[in-house]
Amino acid sequence: MRLLILGTGTGVGKTFVAEALVRSLGVPTLALKPIESAATAELRDAERLQRASGASSPEPAPYHFGGELSPHLLARRSGQRISIERVAIWVQGCERAVRARATLIESAGGVFTPLADDLDNFDLAQALDPARWILVAENRLGVLHDVRAVHLAMQARGRTPDCIVVNRFRGSDESTSSNTAELSRFVSAPVLGVEPDRPDAVVAWARRELEATPREKS
């Protein structure tokens, strides 16, 4: 089974949720980030995911850029064009080599962050189907708008998230305690609240999805 981590934007805690999932899912999990930008931290997101899962990708990620720009601009600056076909082939190759029970793939930026002039992360997610799409948002004032806007845009493109995770990974405000329940009034997908060091809800959801997915024949 593939778990695809998407975000309502940049810096909403996708890696925080992804790390919690791979640590607690309870089965061998391959964690991948095929496109990474703004990779200036001491430990890149891809490295954080590999440490959490304990499974390394056999080949380097197809696209790794340094800089604080959208992936399509960083690719253009380096004379490249991001290809979702190349990413899909790389993911498939990693899965064949590692043979984990689950694969978690984290996107770069938000659902509609451009990967090229005519491509975005929604296109990449479609190329990686069949997968369970997890939309991550930060639990703060404004999240009702952010999730509803992204959900409506995804709906217009023909595919909505299978699960929405509202995570509180850096503080709280007056809206934090009510956001999860309020979002459930506006969207059909399950809305799960995640607290720091308490990923129970999304882990339980992912385990149910995993149990419902037939194992591939060796």
N, C-alpha and C. Protein backbone atom coordinates (compact mmCIF):
# COMPACT_ATOMS: atom_id res chain seq x y z
N MET A 1 0.84 -1.19 0.00
CA MET A 1 0.00 0.00 0.00
C MET A 1 0.88 1.24 0.00
N ARG A 2 0.46 2.22 -0.77
CA ARG A 2 1.15 3.51 -0.78
C ARG A 2 0.37 4.54 0.02
N LEU A 3 1.08 5.31 0.83
CA LEU A 3 0.53 6.44 1.53
C LEU A 3 1.18 7.69 0.96
N LEU A 4 0.39 8.57 0.42
CA LEU A 4 0.92 9.78 -0.22
C LEU A 4 0.62 10.98 0.66
N ILE A 5 1.67 11.66 1.13
CA ILE A 5 1.53 12.81 2.02
C ILE A 5 1.53 14.09 1.21
N LEU A 6 0.39 14.78 1.21
CA LEU A 6 0.22 16.06 0.52
C LEU A 6 -0.04 17.14 1.57
N GLY A 7 0.14 18.38 1.19
CA GLY A 7 -0.05 19.48 2.14
C GLY A 7 -0.94 20.57 1.58
N THR A 8 -1.57 21.33 2.48
CA THR A 8 -2.33 22.50 2.04
C THR A 8 -1.39 23.63 1.63
N GLY A 9 -0.11 23.50 1.99
CA GLY A 9 0.88 24.50 1.63
C GLY A 9 2.24 24.04 2.10
N THR A 10 3.18 24.97 2.12
CA THR A 10 4.54 24.67 2.57
C THR A 10 4.64 24.92 4.08
N GLY A 11 5.37 24.07 4.77
CA GLY A 11 5.60 24.27 6.19
C GLY A 11 4.41 23.97 7.07
N VAL A 12 3.55 23.02 6.65
CA VAL A 12 2.36 22.70 7.44
C VAL A 12 2.56 21.45 8.30
N GLY A 13 3.76 20.84 8.25
CA GLY A 13 4.03 19.69 9.10
C GLY A 13 3.92 18.34 8.41
N LYS A 14 4.12 18.30 7.10
CA LYS A 14 4.03 17.03 6.38
C LYS A 14 5.07 16.02 6.89
N THR A 15 6.30 16.47 7.06
CA THR A 15 7.35 15.55 7.52
C THR A 15 7.10 15.11 8.95
N PHE A 16 6.57 16.00 9.79
CA PHE A 16 6.20 15.66 11.16
C PHE A 16 5.20 14.50 11.16
N VAL A 17 4.17 14.58 10.33
CA VAL A 17 3.16 13.53 10.23
C VAL A 17 3.76 12.26 9.62
N ALA A 18 4.57 12.43 8.58
CA ALA A 18 5.17 11.27 7.91
C ALA A 18 6.08 10.49 8.85
N GLU A 19 6.91 11.20 9.61
CA GLU A 19 7.79 10.53 10.58
C GLU A 19 6.98 9.75 11.61
N ALA A 20 5.93 10.37 12.11
CA ALA A 20 5.09 9.70 13.11
C ALA A 20 4.47 8.44 12.54
N LEU A 21 4.05 8.49 11.30
CA LEU A 21 3.44 7.33 10.67
C LEU A 21 4.43 6.18 10.52
N VAL A 22 5.60 6.46 9.95
CA VAL A 22 6.52 5.36 9.68
C VAL A 22 7.07 4.75 10.97
N ARG A 23 7.15 5.55 12.03
CA ARG A 23 7.63 5.03 13.32
C ARG A 23 6.60 4.13 13.99
N SER A 24 5.32 4.41 13.74
CA SER A 24 4.27 3.75 14.52
C SER A 24 3.37 2.82 13.73
N LEU A 25 3.57 2.70 12.43
CA LEU A 25 2.66 1.91 11.60
C LEU A 25 2.71 0.43 11.96
N GLY A 26 3.90 -0.04 12.39
CA GLY A 26 4.00 -1.42 12.85
C GLY A 26 4.35 -2.43 11.79
N VAL A 27 4.64 -1.97 10.57
CA VAL A 27 5.08 -2.87 9.49
C VAL A 27 6.28 -2.22 8.80
N PRO A 28 7.13 -3.01 8.12
CA PRO A 28 8.24 -2.42 7.37
C PRO A 28 7.71 -1.40 6.35
N THR A 29 8.23 -0.18 6.44
CA THR A 29 7.73 0.91 5.61
C THR A 29 8.89 1.61 4.92
N LEU A 30 8.77 1.76 3.61
CA LEU A 30 9.74 2.50 2.82
C LEU A 30 9.26 3.95 2.74
N ALA A 31 10.05 4.90 3.20
CA ALA A 31 9.67 6.31 3.23
C ALA A 31 10.51 7.09 2.23
N LEU A 32 9.85 7.78 1.31
CA LEU A 32 10.54 8.43 0.19
C LEU A 32 10.11 9.89 0.04
N LYS A 33 11.06 10.72 -0.36
CA LYS A 33 10.75 12.09 -0.78
C LYS A 33 11.47 12.31 -2.11
N PRO A 34 10.79 12.08 -3.23
CA PRO A 34 11.46 12.11 -4.54
C PRO A 34 11.88 13.49 -5.02
N ILE A 35 11.20 14.54 -4.53
CA ILE A 35 11.53 15.91 -4.93
C ILE A 35 11.72 16.72 -3.66
N GLU A 36 12.90 17.31 -3.50
CA GLU A 36 13.14 18.10 -2.30
C GLU A 36 13.78 19.43 -2.67
N SER A 37 13.17 20.49 -2.15
CA SER A 37 13.72 21.83 -2.32
C SER A 37 13.90 22.44 -0.95
N ALA A 38 14.53 23.61 -0.90
CA ALA A 38 14.82 24.28 0.37
C ALA A 38 15.58 23.35 1.30
N ALA A 39 16.47 22.55 0.71
CA ALA A 39 17.21 21.55 1.49
C ALA A 39 18.46 22.16 2.10
N THR A 40 18.25 23.12 3.00
CA THR A 40 19.39 23.79 3.61
C THR A 40 19.56 23.41 5.08
N ALA A 41 18.61 22.64 5.62
CA ALA A 41 18.70 22.23 7.03
C ALA A 41 19.81 21.23 7.22
N GLU A 42 20.21 21.07 8.48
CA GLU A 42 21.28 20.12 8.79
C GLU A 42 20.89 18.70 8.39
N LEU A 43 19.62 18.36 8.58
CA LEU A 43 19.12 17.04 8.20
C LEU A 43 17.95 17.22 7.26
N ARG A 44 18.09 16.75 6.02
CA ARG A 44 17.05 16.92 5.02
C ARG A 44 15.82 16.07 5.37
N ASP A 45 14.67 16.46 4.80
CA ASP A 45 13.44 15.71 5.05
C ASP A 45 13.59 14.25 4.66
N ALA A 46 14.21 14.00 3.51
CA ALA A 46 14.38 12.62 3.04
C ALA A 46 15.20 11.81 4.04
N GLU A 47 16.22 12.43 4.61
CA GLU A 47 17.05 11.74 5.60
C GLU A 47 16.28 11.50 6.89
N ARG A 48 15.46 12.45 7.28
CA ARG A 48 14.63 12.27 8.47
C ARG A 48 13.67 11.10 8.28
N LEU A 49 13.10 10.99 7.10
CA LEU A 49 12.16 9.90 6.83
C LEU A 49 12.87 8.55 6.83
N GLN A 50 14.06 8.49 6.24
CA GLN A 50 14.80 7.24 6.21
C GLN A 50 15.21 6.81 7.62
N ARG A 51 15.61 7.76 8.45
CA ARG A 51 15.96 7.43 9.83
C ARG A 51 14.75 6.89 10.59
N ALA A 52 13.61 7.51 10.35
CA ALA A 52 12.40 7.08 11.06
C ALA A 52 11.96 5.69 10.63
N SER A 53 12.11 5.39 9.33
CA SER A 53 11.64 4.10 8.81
C SER A 53 12.67 2.99 8.94
N GLY A 54 13.95 3.37 8.93
CA GLY A 54 15.01 2.36 8.96
C GLY A 54 15.26 1.71 7.63
N ALA A 55 14.61 2.18 6.58
CA ALA A 55 14.79 1.62 5.23
C ALA A 55 15.26 2.71 4.29
N SER A 56 16.39 2.51 3.66
CA SER A 56 16.97 3.50 2.75
C SER A 56 16.59 3.18 1.31
N SER A 57 16.37 4.23 0.52
CA SER A 57 16.11 4.02 -0.90
C SER A 57 17.41 3.56 -1.56
N PRO A 58 17.32 2.59 -2.47
CA PRO A 58 18.53 2.08 -3.10
C PRO A 58 19.19 3.06 -4.05
N GLU A 59 18.45 4.03 -4.55
CA GLU A 59 18.97 5.04 -5.47
C GLU A 59 18.67 6.43 -4.93
N PRO A 60 19.55 7.41 -5.18
CA PRO A 60 19.27 8.77 -4.74
C PRO A 60 17.97 9.30 -5.35
N ALA A 61 17.34 10.20 -4.66
CA ALA A 61 16.10 10.79 -5.17
C ALA A 61 16.36 11.48 -6.51
N PRO A 62 15.38 11.46 -7.41
CA PRO A 62 15.58 12.05 -8.74
C PRO A 62 15.88 13.54 -8.71
N TYR A 63 15.26 14.27 -7.77
CA TYR A 63 15.40 15.72 -7.77
C TYR A 63 15.68 16.24 -6.36
N HIS A 64 16.81 16.90 -6.21
CA HIS A 64 17.20 17.48 -4.93
C HIS A 64 17.79 18.86 -5.22
N PHE A 65 17.10 19.90 -4.76
CA PHE A 65 17.53 21.26 -5.02
C PHE A 65 17.78 21.99 -3.70
N GLY A 66 18.73 22.87 -3.71
CA GLY A 66 18.96 23.74 -2.57
C GLY A 66 18.42 25.13 -2.88
N GLY A 67 17.63 25.68 -1.99
CA GLY A 67 17.10 27.01 -2.22
C GLY A 67 15.71 27.15 -1.65
N GLU A 68 15.27 28.38 -1.47
CA GLU A 68 13.96 28.67 -0.89
C GLU A 68 13.00 29.13 -1.98
N LEU A 69 12.80 28.28 -2.98
CA LEU A 69 11.90 28.59 -4.08
C LEU A 69 11.05 27.38 -4.40
N SER A 70 10.04 27.58 -5.22
CA SER A 70 9.21 26.47 -5.70
C SER A 70 10.07 25.49 -6.48
N PRO A 71 9.75 24.19 -6.43
CA PRO A 71 10.57 23.20 -7.16
C PRO A 71 10.72 23.50 -8.64
N HIS A 72 9.67 24.02 -9.28
CA HIS A 72 9.78 24.26 -10.73
C HIS A 72 10.78 25.37 -11.03
N LEU A 73 10.87 26.37 -10.13
CA LEU A 73 11.84 27.44 -10.34
C LEU A 73 13.26 26.96 -10.07
N LEU A 74 13.43 26.13 -9.04
CA LEU A 74 14.76 25.59 -8.76
C LEU A 74 15.22 24.66 -9.88
N ALA A 75 14.28 23.90 -10.43
CA ALA A 75 14.62 23.03 -11.55
C ALA A 75 15.02 23.86 -12.77
N ARG A 76 14.25 24.90 -13.03
CA ARG A 76 14.56 25.77 -14.18
C ARG A 76 15.94 26.42 -14.01
N ARG A 77 16.23 26.86 -12.78
CA ARG A 77 17.51 27.50 -12.51
C ARG A 77 18.68 26.56 -12.73
N SER A 78 18.44 25.26 -12.50
CA SER A 78 19.51 24.28 -12.68
C SER A 78 19.48 23.62 -14.06
N GLY A 79 18.64 24.16 -14.96
CA GLY A 79 18.59 23.64 -16.33
C GLY A 79 17.87 22.31 -16.45
N GLN A 80 16.96 22.03 -15.51
CA GLN A 80 16.23 20.77 -15.54
C GLN A 80 14.74 21.02 -15.69
N ARG A 81 14.02 19.95 -15.98
CA ARG A 81 12.56 19.95 -15.95
C ARG A 81 12.14 18.72 -15.17
N ILE A 82 11.31 18.90 -14.17
CA ILE A 82 10.86 17.76 -13.37
C ILE A 82 9.90 16.91 -14.20
N SER A 83 10.15 15.62 -14.19
CA SER A 83 9.32 14.66 -14.92
C SER A 83 8.61 13.75 -13.91
N ILE A 84 7.28 13.74 -13.93
CA ILE A 84 6.56 12.86 -13.02
C ILE A 84 6.73 11.40 -13.43
N GLU A 85 6.97 11.17 -14.71
CA GLU A 85 7.22 9.79 -15.15
C GLU A 85 8.52 9.27 -14.53
N ARG A 86 9.54 10.12 -14.48
CA ARG A 86 10.80 9.71 -13.87
C ARG A 86 10.61 9.42 -12.39
N VAL A 87 9.81 10.24 -11.72
CA VAL A 87 9.55 10.01 -10.29
C VAL A 87 8.82 8.69 -10.09
N ALA A 88 7.80 8.44 -10.91
CA ALA A 88 7.03 7.21 -10.77
C ALA A 88 7.90 5.98 -10.99
N ILE A 89 8.78 6.03 -11.98
CA ILE A 89 9.68 4.91 -12.25
C ILE A 89 10.64 4.70 -11.08
N TRP A 90 11.14 5.80 -10.51
CA TRP A 90 12.05 5.70 -9.35
C TRP A 90 11.35 5.07 -8.16
N VAL A 91 10.12 5.49 -7.89
CA VAL A 91 9.36 4.93 -6.77
C VAL A 91 9.15 3.43 -6.98
N GLN A 92 8.77 3.05 -8.17
CA GLN A 92 8.55 1.62 -8.47
C GLN A 92 9.84 0.82 -8.29
N GLY A 93 10.96 1.39 -8.72
CA GLY A 93 12.24 0.70 -8.56
C GLY A 93 12.62 0.53 -7.10
N CYS A 94 12.37 1.57 -6.29
CA CYS A 94 12.65 1.48 -4.85
C CYS A 94 11.79 0.40 -4.21
N GLU A 95 10.53 0.34 -4.61
CA GLU A 95 9.62 -0.65 -4.03
C GLU A 95 10.05 -2.07 -4.40
N ARG A 96 10.49 -2.27 -5.63
CA ARG A 96 10.95 -3.60 -6.03
C ARG A 96 12.20 -4.01 -5.26
N ALA A 97 13.08 -3.04 -4.99
CA ALA A 97 14.35 -3.35 -4.32
C ALA A 97 14.16 -3.59 -2.83
N VAL A 98 13.28 -2.83 -2.19
CA VAL A 98 13.15 -2.91 -0.74
C VAL A 98 12.05 -3.87 -0.29
N ARG A 99 10.96 -3.97 -1.04
CA ARG A 99 9.89 -4.91 -0.73
C ARG A 99 9.31 -4.71 0.67
N ALA A 100 8.99 -3.49 1.01
CA ALA A 100 8.37 -3.18 2.29
C ALA A 100 6.86 -3.43 2.20
N ARG A 101 6.22 -3.52 3.34
CA ARG A 101 4.76 -3.74 3.37
C ARG A 101 4.02 -2.47 2.95
N ALA A 102 4.59 -1.32 3.25
CA ALA A 102 3.97 -0.05 2.89
C ALA A 102 5.03 0.91 2.36
N THR A 103 4.61 1.81 1.49
CA THR A 103 5.47 2.87 0.98
C THR A 103 4.83 4.21 1.31
N LEU A 104 5.59 5.08 1.95
CA LEU A 104 5.12 6.43 2.24
C LEU A 104 5.90 7.40 1.36
N ILE A 105 5.19 8.26 0.66
CA ILE A 105 5.81 9.22 -0.26
C ILE A 105 5.37 10.62 0.14
N GLU A 106 6.34 11.48 0.43
CA GLU A 106 6.04 12.86 0.80
C GLU A 106 6.30 13.79 -0.37
N SER A 107 5.33 14.64 -0.67
CA SER A 107 5.48 15.60 -1.76
C SER A 107 6.24 16.82 -1.27
N ALA A 108 6.62 17.68 -2.21
CA ALA A 108 7.34 18.91 -1.90
C ALA A 108 6.38 20.09 -2.03
N GLY A 109 6.11 20.77 -0.91
CA GLY A 109 5.20 21.90 -0.96
C GLY A 109 3.75 21.47 -0.83
N GLY A 110 2.85 22.28 -1.38
CA GLY A 110 1.42 22.01 -1.30
C GLY A 110 0.90 21.22 -2.49
N VAL A 111 -0.37 20.86 -2.43
CA VAL A 111 -0.99 20.06 -3.49
C VAL A 111 -0.81 20.71 -4.85
N PHE A 112 -0.95 22.02 -4.91
CA PHE A 112 -0.89 22.70 -6.20
C PHE A 112 0.40 23.49 -6.40
N THR A 113 1.43 23.17 -5.63
CA THR A 113 2.75 23.75 -5.88
C THR A 113 3.23 23.30 -7.25
N PRO A 114 3.67 24.22 -8.12
CA PRO A 114 4.10 23.82 -9.46
C PRO A 114 5.38 22.98 -9.43
N LEU A 115 5.39 21.95 -10.27
CA LEU A 115 6.60 21.17 -10.53
C LEU A 115 7.19 21.53 -11.89
N ALA A 116 6.36 22.06 -12.75
CA ALA A 116 6.75 22.60 -14.06
C ALA A 116 5.65 23.58 -14.45
N ASP A 117 5.81 24.25 -15.59
CA ASP A 117 4.80 25.22 -15.98
C ASP A 117 3.42 24.59 -16.13
N ASP A 118 3.38 23.31 -16.49
CA ASP A 118 2.11 22.63 -16.73
C ASP A 118 1.90 21.42 -15.83
N LEU A 119 2.64 21.34 -14.72
CA LEU A 119 2.52 20.21 -13.80
C LEU A 119 2.54 20.70 -12.36
N ASP A 120 1.83 19.98 -11.49
CA ASP A 120 1.89 20.29 -10.06
C ASP A 120 1.83 18.98 -9.27
N ASN A 121 1.81 19.11 -7.95
CA ASN A 121 1.82 17.91 -7.11
C ASN A 121 0.55 17.08 -7.25
N PHE A 122 -0.54 17.69 -7.65
CA PHE A 122 -1.75 16.91 -7.90
C PHE A 122 -1.52 15.95 -9.06
N ASP A 123 -0.85 16.42 -10.12
CA ASP A 123 -0.53 15.54 -11.24
C ASP A 123 0.38 14.40 -10.80
N LEU A 124 1.37 14.72 -9.96
CA LEU A 124 2.27 13.69 -9.46
C LEU A 124 1.50 12.66 -8.63
N ALA A 125 0.60 13.13 -7.79
CA ALA A 125 -0.18 12.20 -6.97
C ALA A 125 -1.00 11.26 -7.84
N GLN A 126 -1.59 11.77 -8.89
CA GLN A 126 -2.36 10.92 -9.80
C GLN A 126 -1.47 9.86 -10.44
N ALA A 127 -0.24 10.25 -10.78
CA ALA A 127 0.69 9.31 -11.40
C ALA A 127 1.11 8.21 -10.44
N LEU A 128 1.02 8.47 -9.13
CA LEU A 128 1.42 7.50 -8.12
C LEU A 128 0.26 6.66 -7.60
N ASP A 129 -0.95 6.90 -8.10
CA ASP A 129 -2.07 6.05 -7.74
C ASP A 129 -1.86 4.65 -8.31
N PRO A 130 -2.42 3.60 -7.65
CA PRO A 130 -3.29 3.64 -6.49
C PRO A 130 -2.52 3.94 -5.20
N ALA A 131 -3.07 4.84 -4.41
CA ALA A 131 -2.46 5.23 -3.13
C ALA A 131 -3.55 5.83 -2.26
N ARG A 132 -3.26 5.91 -0.96
CA ARG A 132 -4.14 6.63 -0.05
C ARG A 132 -3.58 8.04 0.08
N TRP A 133 -4.38 9.04 -0.24
CA TRP A 133 -3.93 10.42 -0.20
C TRP A 133 -4.25 11.02 1.18
N ILE A 134 -3.21 11.49 1.86
CA ILE A 134 -3.37 12.12 3.17
C ILE A 134 -3.04 13.61 3.01
N LEU A 135 -4.03 14.45 3.25
CA LEU A 135 -3.84 15.90 3.16
C LEU A 135 -3.52 16.44 4.54
N VAL A 136 -2.37 17.08 4.68
CA VAL A 136 -1.90 17.59 5.97
C VAL A 136 -2.08 19.10 6.03
N ALA A 137 -2.60 19.57 7.15
CA ALA A 137 -2.74 21.01 7.40
C ALA A 137 -2.30 21.30 8.83
N GLU A 138 -1.87 22.52 9.07
CA GLU A 138 -1.48 22.90 10.43
C GLU A 138 -2.70 23.38 11.21
N ASN A 139 -2.83 22.91 12.44
CA ASN A 139 -3.96 23.28 13.28
C ASN A 139 -3.72 24.67 13.87
N ARG A 140 -4.25 25.65 13.19
CA ARG A 140 -4.08 27.04 13.62
C ARG A 140 -5.21 27.86 13.03
N LEU A 141 -5.32 29.10 13.44
CA LEU A 141 -6.33 29.99 12.87
C LEU A 141 -6.10 30.11 11.36
N GLY A 142 -7.13 29.90 10.58
CA GLY A 142 -7.03 29.96 9.12
C GLY A 142 -7.09 28.60 8.46
N VAL A 143 -7.01 27.52 9.25
CA VAL A 143 -6.97 26.19 8.65
C VAL A 143 -8.31 25.82 8.01
N LEU A 144 -9.41 26.36 8.51
CA LEU A 144 -10.71 26.07 7.90
C LEU A 144 -10.72 26.53 6.44
N HIS A 145 -10.23 27.74 6.22
CA HIS A 145 -10.14 28.23 4.84
C HIS A 145 -9.17 27.40 4.02
N ASP A 146 -7.99 27.14 4.57
CA ASP A 146 -6.95 26.44 3.80
C ASP A 146 -7.42 25.07 3.35
N VAL A 147 -7.99 24.30 4.26
CA VAL A 147 -8.44 22.95 3.91
C VAL A 147 -9.62 23.01 2.95
N ARG A 148 -10.59 23.87 3.22
CA ARG A 148 -11.76 23.95 2.33
C ARG A 148 -11.36 24.38 0.93
N ALA A 149 -10.46 25.36 0.81
CA ALA A 149 -10.04 25.83 -0.51
C ALA A 149 -9.32 24.73 -1.28
N VAL A 150 -8.39 24.03 -0.63
CA VAL A 150 -7.66 22.96 -1.30
C VAL A 150 -8.60 21.81 -1.63
N HIS A 151 -9.49 21.47 -0.71
CA HIS A 151 -10.43 20.37 -0.95
C HIS A 151 -11.33 20.67 -2.15
N LEU A 152 -11.84 21.90 -2.23
CA LEU A 152 -12.69 22.28 -3.36
C LEU A 152 -11.91 22.23 -4.68
N ALA A 153 -10.66 22.68 -4.65
CA ALA A 153 -9.84 22.65 -5.87
C ALA A 153 -9.54 21.21 -6.28
N MET A 154 -9.26 20.35 -5.32
CA MET A 154 -9.02 18.94 -5.63
C MET A 154 -10.29 18.29 -6.18
N GLN A 155 -11.42 18.63 -5.59
CA GLN A 155 -12.69 18.10 -6.05
C GLN A 155 -12.93 18.47 -7.51
N ALA A 156 -12.59 19.70 -7.86
CA ALA A 156 -12.75 20.14 -9.25
C ALA A 156 -11.85 19.39 -10.21
N ARG A 157 -10.73 18.89 -9.69
CA ARG A 157 -9.79 18.11 -10.52
C ARG A 157 -10.13 16.61 -10.53
N GLY A 158 -11.15 16.21 -9.77
CA GLY A 158 -11.64 14.84 -9.85
C GLY A 158 -11.14 13.86 -8.81
N ARG A 159 -10.40 14.34 -7.79
CA ARG A 159 -9.89 13.41 -6.76
C ARG A 159 -9.72 14.18 -5.45
N THR A 160 -10.36 13.71 -4.39
CA THR A 160 -10.24 14.35 -3.09
C THR A 160 -9.40 13.48 -2.16
N PRO A 161 -8.91 14.04 -1.05
CA PRO A 161 -8.08 13.24 -0.14
C PRO A 161 -8.88 12.13 0.53
N ASP A 162 -8.18 11.05 0.87
CA ASP A 162 -8.80 9.95 1.59
C ASP A 162 -8.85 10.23 3.08
N CYS A 163 -8.01 11.14 3.53
CA CYS A 163 -7.91 11.46 4.95
C CYS A 163 -7.31 12.86 5.08
N ILE A 164 -7.77 13.62 6.06
CA ILE A 164 -7.23 14.95 6.32
C ILE A 164 -6.67 14.96 7.74
N VAL A 165 -5.42 15.35 7.87
CA VAL A 165 -4.76 15.39 9.17
C VAL A 165 -4.51 16.84 9.55
N VAL A 166 -5.09 17.25 10.67
CA VAL A 166 -4.90 18.60 11.19
C VAL A 166 -3.95 18.46 12.37
N ASN A 167 -2.72 18.88 12.19
CA ASN A 167 -1.70 18.60 13.20
C ASN A 167 -1.22 19.86 13.91
N ARG A 168 -1.02 19.71 15.21
CA ARG A 168 -0.52 20.81 16.04
C ARG A 168 0.93 20.49 16.40
N PHE A 169 1.84 20.93 15.54
CA PHE A 169 3.24 20.60 15.78
C PHE A 169 4.05 21.79 16.26
N ARG A 170 3.43 22.95 16.33
CA ARG A 170 4.15 24.11 16.87
C ARG A 170 3.17 25.11 17.49
N GLY A 171 2.77 24.80 18.70
CA GLY A 171 1.94 25.73 19.44
C GLY A 171 0.46 25.63 19.09
N SER A 172 -0.32 26.54 19.68
CA SER A 172 -1.77 26.52 19.48
C SER A 172 -2.31 27.94 19.61
N ASP A 173 -3.59 28.12 19.24
CA ASP A 173 -4.27 29.39 19.42
C ASP A 173 -5.72 29.10 19.80
N GLU A 174 -6.55 30.10 19.84
CA GLU A 174 -7.92 29.93 20.31
C GLU A 174 -8.74 28.98 19.44
N SER A 175 -8.35 28.84 18.17
CA SER A 175 -9.12 28.00 17.24
C SER A 175 -8.74 26.52 17.32
N THR A 176 -7.59 26.22 17.90
CA THR A 176 -7.02 24.88 17.82
C THR A 176 -7.96 23.78 18.31
N SER A 177 -8.65 24.02 19.41
CA SER A 177 -9.48 22.97 20.00
C SER A 177 -10.74 22.66 19.19
N SER A 178 -11.16 23.56 18.32
CA SER A 178 -12.41 23.36 17.57
C SER A 178 -12.21 23.08 16.08
N ASN A 179 -11.00 23.26 15.55
CA ASN A 179 -10.81 23.17 14.11
C ASN A 179 -11.14 21.79 13.53
N THR A 180 -10.73 20.73 14.20
CA THR A 180 -10.96 19.39 13.66
C THR A 180 -12.45 19.10 13.53
N ALA A 181 -13.21 19.39 14.56
CA ALA A 181 -14.66 19.15 14.51
C ALA A 181 -15.34 20.03 13.47
N GLU A 182 -14.91 21.28 13.37
CA GLU A 182 -15.53 22.18 12.41
C GLU A 182 -15.27 21.74 10.98
N LEU A 183 -14.05 21.28 10.70
CA LEU A 183 -13.74 20.83 9.35
C LEU A 183 -14.58 19.63 8.96
N SER A 184 -14.90 18.78 9.90
CA SER A 184 -15.71 17.60 9.62
C SER A 184 -17.10 17.98 9.11
N ARG A 185 -17.53 19.19 9.36
CA ARG A 185 -18.83 19.67 8.88
C ARG A 185 -18.80 20.03 7.40
N PHE A 186 -17.60 20.25 6.87
CA PHE A 186 -17.50 20.77 5.50
C PHE A 186 -16.93 19.78 4.49
N VAL A 187 -16.28 18.72 4.94
CA VAL A 187 -15.66 17.76 4.01
C VAL A 187 -16.12 16.36 4.33
N SER A 188 -16.07 15.47 3.34
CA SER A 188 -16.55 14.11 3.53
C SER A 188 -15.47 13.17 4.06
N ALA A 189 -14.22 13.48 3.82
CA ALA A 189 -13.12 12.61 4.28
C ALA A 189 -12.98 12.69 5.79
N PRO A 190 -12.47 11.62 6.43
CA PRO A 190 -12.21 11.70 7.86
C PRO A 190 -11.21 12.81 8.18
N VAL A 191 -11.49 13.59 9.21
CA VAL A 191 -10.60 14.65 9.67
C VAL A 191 -10.03 14.23 11.01
N LEU A 192 -8.71 14.08 11.07
CA LEU A 192 -8.05 13.54 12.25
C LEU A 192 -7.14 14.58 12.88
N GLY A 193 -7.28 14.79 14.16
CA GLY A 193 -6.40 15.70 14.88
C GLY A 193 -5.17 14.97 15.39
N VAL A 194 -4.02 15.58 15.26
CA VAL A 194 -2.76 14.99 15.72
C VAL A 194 -2.06 15.98 16.63
N GLU A 195 -1.70 15.51 17.82
CA GLU A 195 -0.98 16.31 18.79
C GLU A 195 0.51 15.95 18.75
N PRO A 196 1.38 16.81 19.26
CA PRO A 196 2.80 16.47 19.32
C PRO A 196 3.00 15.15 20.07
N ASP A 197 3.73 14.22 19.42
CA ASP A 197 4.03 12.91 20.00
C ASP A 197 2.78 12.05 20.23
N ARG A 198 1.65 12.41 19.62
CA ARG A 198 0.44 11.62 19.75
C ARG A 198 -0.21 11.43 18.38
N PRO A 199 0.38 10.58 17.53
CA PRO A 199 -0.16 10.38 16.19
C PRO A 199 -1.22 9.28 16.13
N ASP A 200 -1.80 8.92 17.28
CA ASP A 200 -2.67 7.75 17.39
C ASP A 200 -3.75 7.69 16.32
N ALA A 201 -4.43 8.81 16.08
CA ALA A 201 -5.59 8.80 15.19
C ALA A 201 -5.19 8.46 13.75
N VAL A 202 -4.16 9.11 13.24
CA VAL A 202 -3.78 8.84 11.84
C VAL A 202 -3.12 7.47 11.70
N VAL A 203 -2.40 7.02 12.73
CA VAL A 203 -1.79 5.69 12.69
C VAL A 203 -2.88 4.63 12.66
N ALA A 204 -3.91 4.79 13.49
CA ALA A 204 -5.00 3.82 13.51
C ALA A 204 -5.71 3.79 12.16
N TRP A 205 -5.92 4.96 11.56
CA TRP A 205 -6.56 5.02 10.24
C TRP A 205 -5.70 4.29 9.21
N ALA A 206 -4.40 4.56 9.19
CA ALA A 206 -3.51 3.94 8.22
C ALA A 206 -3.45 2.43 8.41
N ARG A 207 -3.47 1.97 9.63
CA ARG A 207 -3.45 0.52 9.88
C ARG A 207 -4.71 -0.15 9.34
N ARG A 208 -5.85 0.50 9.51
CA ARG A 208 -7.10 -0.06 8.95
C ARG A 208 -7.02 -0.13 7.44
N GLU A 209 -6.48 0.92 6.82
CA GLU A 209 -6.34 0.91 5.37
C GLU A 209 -5.39 -0.19 4.92
N LEU A 210 -4.33 -0.38 5.68
CA LEU A 210 -3.35 -1.41 5.36
C LEU A 210 -3.97 -2.80 5.45
N GLU A 211 -4.74 -3.03 6.48
CA GLU A 211 -5.38 -4.34 6.65
C GLU A 211 -6.38 -4.62 5.55
N ALA A 212 -6.97 -3.55 4.99
CA ALA A 212 -7.94 -3.73 3.91
C ALA A 212 -7.30 -3.88 2.54
N THR A 213 -5.97 -3.74 2.48
CA THR A 213 -5.25 -3.84 1.21
C THR A 213 -4.65 -5.23 1.07
N PRO A 214 -4.99 -5.97 0.00
CA PRO A 214 -4.41 -7.30 -0.18
C PRO A 214 -2.91 -7.23 -0.32
N ARG A 215 -2.23 -8.23 0.25
CA ARG A 215 -0.79 -8.30 0.09
C ARG A 215 -0.44 -8.69 -1.34
N GLU A 216 0.64 -8.09 -1.86
CA GLU A 216 1.11 -8.47 -3.19
C GLU A 216 1.80 -9.82 -3.13
N LYS A 217 1.64 -10.58 -4.18
CA LYS A 217 2.33 -11.87 -4.26
C LYS A 217 3.80 -11.67 -4.50
N SER A 218 4.65 -12.47 -3.84
CA SER A 218 6.11 -12.35 -3.99
C SER A 218 6.52 -12.84 -5.35
